[in-house]
Protein backbone atom coordinates (compact mmCIF):
# COMPACT_ATOMS: atom_id res chain seq x y z
CA MET A 1 3.23 93.55 73.19
CA THR A 2 5.50 94.82 75.89
CA ASP A 3 5.36 98.20 77.46
CA THR A 4 7.90 100.15 79.44
CA THR A 5 5.87 100.55 82.61
CA THR A 6 7.25 99.12 85.82
CA ARG A 7 5.41 96.11 87.14
CA LEU A 8 4.22 96.73 90.65
CA PRO A 9 4.05 93.80 93.05
CA ILE A 10 0.53 92.55 93.56
CA ASP A 11 -0.77 92.18 97.11
CA SER A 12 -1.05 88.51 98.13
CA SER A 13 -4.78 88.85 98.88
CA VAL A 14 -5.35 90.21 95.36
CA SER A 15 -3.34 87.31 93.92
CA THR A 16 -5.40 84.89 96.00
CA GLY A 17 -8.61 86.45 94.66
CA LEU A 18 -7.30 86.20 91.10
CA LEU A 19 -6.34 82.55 91.70
CA ILE A 20 -9.88 81.80 92.90
CA LEU A 21 -11.38 83.62 89.90
CA ARG A 22 -9.02 81.83 87.48
CA VAL A 23 -9.66 78.36 88.91
CA GLY A 24 -13.43 78.85 89.10
CA THR A 25 -13.78 80.31 85.62
CA GLY A 26 -11.27 77.88 84.11
CA ALA A 27 -12.82 74.83 85.76
CA ALA A 28 -16.27 75.75 84.44
CA LEU A 29 -14.79 76.10 80.94
CA VAL A 30 -12.85 72.84 81.10
CA GLN A 31 -15.98 71.03 82.28
CA ALA A 32 -18.02 72.46 79.39
CA GLY A 33 -15.31 71.48 76.89
CA LEU A 34 -14.88 67.98 78.29
CA ILE A 35 -18.63 67.36 78.30
CA LYS A 36 -18.65 68.20 74.59
CA ALA A 37 -15.53 66.09 73.93
CA SER A 38 -16.85 63.07 75.84
CA ASP A 39 -19.86 62.81 73.53
CA PHE A 40 -18.63 64.65 70.48
CA GLY A 41 -21.29 63.03 68.28
CA MET A 42 -24.01 64.51 70.48
CA THR A 43 -22.36 67.94 70.23
CA VAL A 44 -22.27 67.70 66.43
CA GLN A 45 -25.89 66.50 66.38
CA PHE A 46 -26.98 69.40 68.63
CA LEU A 47 -25.42 71.89 66.23
CA THR A 48 -26.84 70.04 63.22
CA ASP A 49 -30.35 70.09 64.70
CA ALA A 50 -29.98 73.79 65.50
CA GLY A 51 -29.18 74.53 61.85
CA TRP A 52 -25.48 75.34 62.10
CA ARG A 53 -23.36 75.14 58.95
CA LEU A 54 -20.32 72.86 59.23
CA PRO A 55 -21.51 71.45 62.57
CA GLY A 56 -18.47 69.17 62.94
CA PHE A 57 -16.10 72.10 62.53
CA ALA A 58 -18.16 74.28 64.88
CA ALA A 59 -18.27 71.50 67.49
CA PHE A 60 -14.50 71.03 67.27
CA MET A 61 -13.84 74.76 67.60
CA VAL A 62 -16.08 75.25 70.63
CA THR A 63 -14.77 72.11 72.33
CA ALA A 64 -11.13 73.04 71.75
CA THR A 65 -11.61 76.68 72.72
CA GLU A 66 -13.42 75.93 75.96
CA THR A 67 -10.97 73.21 76.99
CA LEU A 68 -7.75 75.06 76.10
CA ALA A 69 -8.89 78.44 77.41
CA GLY A 70 -10.01 76.77 80.64
CA ILE A 71 -6.64 75.08 81.12
CA GLY A 72 -4.90 78.36 80.34
CA LEU A 73 -6.93 80.18 82.98
CA ILE A 74 -6.48 77.50 85.64
CA LEU A 75 -2.71 77.53 85.20
CA GLY A 76 -2.45 81.25 84.51
CA VAL A 77 -0.72 80.77 81.16
CA LEU A 78 -1.02 83.66 78.67
CA THR A 79 -3.97 84.75 80.76
CA PRO A 80 -5.11 87.73 78.65
CA LEU A 81 -5.20 85.49 75.57
CA ALA A 82 -7.09 82.76 77.46
CA GLY A 83 -9.46 85.44 78.78
CA SER A 84 -10.08 86.68 75.23
CA ALA A 85 -10.85 83.14 74.03
CA THR A 86 -13.20 82.74 77.00
CA VAL A 87 -15.08 85.92 76.13
CA GLY A 88 -15.47 84.90 72.47
CA ALA A 89 -16.66 81.36 73.29
CA MET A 90 -19.03 82.53 76.00
CA LEU A 91 -20.53 85.24 73.80
CA CYS A 92 -21.48 82.47 71.37
CA ALA A 93 -22.78 80.23 74.19
CA TRP A 94 -24.73 83.15 75.64
CA ALA A 95 -26.24 83.82 72.22
CA VAL A 96 -27.29 80.15 71.93
CA ASN A 97 -29.04 80.44 75.29
CA VAL A 98 -30.87 83.67 74.49
CA SER A 99 -31.64 83.03 70.79
CA GLY A 100 -34.96 81.31 71.47
CA ALA A 101 -36.58 84.30 73.19
CA ALA A 102 -36.18 88.01 73.71
CA PHE A 103 -32.56 88.32 74.85
CA TRP A 104 -33.43 90.05 78.12
CA SER A 105 -35.63 87.15 79.28
CA ASP A 106 -32.53 85.38 80.70
CA PRO A 107 -29.54 87.67 80.10
CA PHE A 108 -27.42 86.71 83.12
CA ASN A 109 -27.05 82.99 82.49
CA VAL A 110 -23.97 80.83 83.14
CA PRO A 111 -22.13 81.68 79.88
CA PHE A 112 -22.63 85.37 80.62
CA LEU A 113 -21.04 85.00 84.06
CA ILE A 114 -18.15 82.85 82.79
CA GLY A 115 -17.55 85.41 80.03
CA LEU A 116 -17.45 88.18 82.64
CA GLY A 117 -14.82 86.22 84.56
CA GLY A 118 -12.79 85.83 81.36
CA ALA A 119 -13.07 89.55 80.62
CA ALA A 120 -11.93 90.45 84.14
CA LEU A 121 -8.90 88.15 83.84
CA LEU A 122 -8.09 89.52 80.39
CA PHE A 123 -7.57 92.93 82.01
CA THR A 124 -6.19 91.99 85.44
CA GLY A 125 -3.85 89.20 84.44
CA ALA A 126 -3.28 86.04 86.44
CA GLY A 127 -1.71 87.38 89.62
CA GLU A 128 1.41 86.13 91.37
CA TYR A 129 0.25 82.50 91.76
CA SER A 130 0.49 81.63 88.08
CA VAL A 131 2.74 80.39 85.32
CA ASP A 132 2.62 83.88 83.84
CA ALA A 133 4.17 85.36 87.00
CA ARG A 134 6.81 82.62 87.28
CA VAL A 135 7.87 82.00 83.68
CA VAL A 136 7.07 85.09 81.65
CA ARG A 137 7.61 87.67 84.40
CA ARG A 138 9.25 90.23 82.08
CA PHE A 139 6.43 90.08 79.52
CA THR A 140 3.56 92.46 80.11
CA TRP A 141 0.45 93.12 78.06
CA SER A 142 -0.27 96.78 77.30
CA SER A 143 -3.76 98.19 77.75
CA ARG A 144 -3.96 98.68 73.99
CA VAL A 145 -3.27 94.97 73.38
CA LYS A 146 -5.83 93.97 76.02
CA LEU A 147 -8.48 96.17 74.38
CA GLY A 148 -7.54 94.64 71.03
CA LEU A 149 -8.01 91.15 72.48
CA LEU A 150 -11.45 92.14 73.78
CA ALA A 151 -12.40 93.51 70.36
CA LEU A 152 -11.06 90.31 68.77
CA ALA A 153 -13.26 88.21 71.07
CA PHE A 154 -16.38 90.15 70.02
CA ALA A 155 -15.39 89.97 66.35
CA ALA A 156 -14.77 86.22 66.57
CA ALA A 157 -18.20 85.68 68.14
CA VAL A 158 -19.97 87.77 65.48
CA VAL A 159 -18.08 86.10 62.62
CA THR A 160 -18.86 82.68 64.09
CA TRP A 161 -22.57 83.44 64.19
CA VAL A 162 -22.70 84.97 60.72
CA ALA A 163 -20.49 82.36 59.02
CA LEU A 164 -21.66 79.21 60.81
CA TYR A 165 -25.22 80.01 61.85
CA GLY A 166 -26.27 82.67 59.37
CA SER A 167 -28.56 84.77 61.50
CA ASN A 168 -28.61 87.29 64.28
CA PRO A 169 -29.18 85.45 67.58
CA ILE A 170 -30.21 88.58 69.48
CA HIS A 171 -33.96 89.29 69.37
CA PHE A 172 -35.83 92.12 71.05
CA THR A 173 -39.01 90.06 70.99
CA ALA A 174 -39.51 86.31 70.98
CA PRO A 175 -38.76 84.92 67.50
CA PRO A 176 -41.65 83.28 65.65
CA ALA A 177 -42.04 79.57 66.20
CA PRO A 178 -40.92 77.41 63.29
CA PRO A 179 -43.76 76.05 61.14
CA ALA A 180 -45.10 72.65 62.18
CA PRO A 181 -44.10 69.76 59.89
């Protein structure tokens, strides 16, 4: 996971921009996770009503991922890993939001934008105003590892949908309405 390249100092304005991106993206994630945690029964019921398998497990996983990844981004701790978790969780959230219609009817929703922030931080790192810069200064993430983390995020989202929901959430046309009871 380390490479032999020399770490160049990051300009303070770039680090300030990364801090703003980390705090904004992380805060949105923590809020989403804490909303789910504060009424966990409602989260489980939402997933149950939507037809998810193992809704309690799925609710726990999404709540934990959003909360922990958000904290990781805010603090700048293992930022590429937190960014990867953000991308995976937000791909699933994005798919939930677009699964009821043709996916391009609302493609740039909040999960999409949070996922983009996570992807950017996966590749840029946390900047100088972070735990990563202060504690793990000698540890760097190679481009190959970062690409692997991005691929892992996509794989985790696809596996989640196939294993826990059982269908493809992406539709090119509006899916048929369920039959009336």
